Protein backbone atom coordinates (compact mmCIF):
# COMPACT_ATOMS: atom_id res chain seq x y z
CA MET A 1 -0.01 0.00 0.01
CA ILE A 2 1.19 3.49 -0.88
CA ARG A 3 0.45 6.44 1.41
CA ASN A 4 0.65 9.92 -0.13
CA VAL A 5 0.95 12.74 2.41
CA VAL A 6 0.58 16.38 1.39
CA LEU A 7 1.19 19.31 3.73
CA GLY A 8 0.53 22.88 2.73
CA GLY A 9 0.78 26.45 3.89
CA LEU A 10 -1.80 29.07 2.94
CA LYS A 11 -1.08 32.52 1.56
CA ASP A 12 -1.79 35.39 3.95
CA GLY A 13 -5.40 36.44 3.81
CA THR A 14 -6.71 33.15 2.46
CA ASP A 15 -10.36 32.55 3.38
CA PHE A 16 -10.73 29.39 5.47
CA ALA A 17 -13.94 28.62 3.55
CA ASP A 18 -11.94 28.42 0.30
CA LEU A 19 -9.61 25.85 1.91
CA GLN A 20 -12.59 23.82 3.10
CA ARG A 21 -14.10 23.85 -0.41
CA GLY A 22 -10.83 22.58 -1.83
CA LEU A 23 -10.55 19.83 0.75
CA GLN A 24 -14.14 18.78 0.08
CA ALA A 25 -13.48 18.68 -3.65
CA LEU A 26 -10.70 16.17 -2.98
CA ARG A 27 -12.92 14.13 -0.65
CA ASP A 28 -15.49 14.01 -3.45
CA LEU A 29 -12.92 13.00 -6.10
CA ARG A 30 -13.43 9.64 -7.82
CA VAL A 31 -10.77 8.22 -10.12
CA ASP A 32 -11.92 5.56 -12.57
CA GLY A 33 -10.53 2.15 -11.70
CA VAL A 34 -8.78 3.38 -8.53
CA GLU A 35 -9.80 2.62 -4.96
CA LEU A 36 -8.46 5.18 -2.56
CA GLU A 37 -8.91 6.19 1.07
CA LEU A 38 -8.57 9.94 1.49
CA VAL A 39 -8.52 11.97 4.67
CA THR A 40 -8.07 15.75 4.81
CA GLY A 41 -8.04 18.32 7.54
CA ALA A 42 -7.12 21.83 8.56
CA ASP A 43 -4.56 22.32 11.31
CA LEU A 44 -6.00 22.82 14.78
CA GLY A 45 -3.38 25.40 15.68
CA LEU A 46 -2.18 23.50 18.74
CA ARG A 47 1.47 24.26 17.94
CA ALA A 48 3.13 27.20 16.25
CA GLY A 49 4.83 26.56 12.94
CA ASN A 50 2.55 23.75 11.76
CA ALA A 51 1.35 23.36 8.20
CA ASP A 52 -2.16 24.76 7.56
CA PHE A 53 -3.66 21.56 6.14
CA VAL A 54 -2.97 17.90 5.40
CA ILE A 55 -4.16 15.49 2.70
CA ILE A 56 -3.54 11.76 3.26
CA VAL A 57 -4.33 9.29 0.49
CA ASP A 58 -3.88 5.53 0.74
CA LEU A 59 -3.71 3.62 -2.56
CA ALA A 60 -3.13 -0.04 -3.41
CA ASP A 61 0.18 0.36 -5.29
CA GLU A 62 2.33 2.60 -7.49
CA GLN A 63 0.10 2.12 -10.51
CA ALA A 64 -2.93 3.35 -8.52
CA TYR A 65 -0.89 6.28 -7.20
CA ARG A 66 0.11 7.30 -10.72
CA ALA A 67 -3.50 7.06 -11.98
CA TYR A 68 -4.62 9.26 -9.05
CA ASP A 69 -1.74 11.72 -9.54
CA GLU A 70 -2.35 12.04 -13.31
CA ASP A 71 -6.16 12.17 -13.14
CA GLY A 72 -7.54 15.20 -15.02
CA GLU A 73 -10.02 16.27 -12.33
CA HIS A 74 -7.38 15.87 -9.62
CA ASP A 75 -5.03 18.03 -11.64
CA ARG A 76 -7.76 20.65 -12.14
CA ILE A 77 -8.38 20.80 -8.36
CA ARG A 78 -4.64 21.25 -7.71
CA ARG A 79 -4.30 23.92 -10.38
CA GLU A 80 -7.50 25.91 -9.95
CA VAL A 81 -8.23 25.48 -6.24
CA PHE A 82 -5.00 24.85 -4.29
CA GLU A 83 -2.40 26.78 -6.33
CA PRO A 84 -4.11 30.14 -5.77
CA LEU A 85 -4.48 29.41 -2.02
CA CYS A 86 -1.07 27.98 -1.15
CA SER A 87 2.29 29.63 -0.55
CA TRP A 88 3.91 26.17 -0.35
CA VAL A 89 3.06 22.49 -0.69
CA GLU A 90 5.22 19.48 0.25
CA ARG A 91 4.50 15.86 -0.67
CA VAL A 92 5.87 12.46 0.22
CA GLN A 93 4.88 8.95 -0.82
CA ILE A 94 5.77 5.98 1.39
CA ARG A 95 5.14 2.27 1.28
CA LEU A 96 3.14 1.13 4.31
CA PRO A 97 4.20 -2.10 5.97
CA GLU A 98 1.67 -4.85 5.33
CA ALA A 99 0.67 -5.04 9.04
CA ALA A 100 -0.22 -1.30 9.03
CA ALA A 101 -2.28 -1.70 5.86
CA THR A 102 -4.59 -4.30 7.44
CA GLN A 103 -5.27 -2.45 10.72
């Protein structure tokens, strides 16, 4: 199983409602032929210096990740929704140990 983790920082003055709409658009995203588990959230502000939001996506394998990453609607959401809101975005993809994938 592949886990994709995205952290982002918002530009000054960004409306929180715009972030929530973007996160909801990702939660609503369906990619043909790909099963994914997606969790998103805005930072609670419990510690200074945190990212403003997180997106976590679990996918079966590299092929599923690539299909998700290259999906046209996913790309549109990145380009039209998140790019205008974000001052930075960092991503990492990791392979989950089999035991973690079944829990």
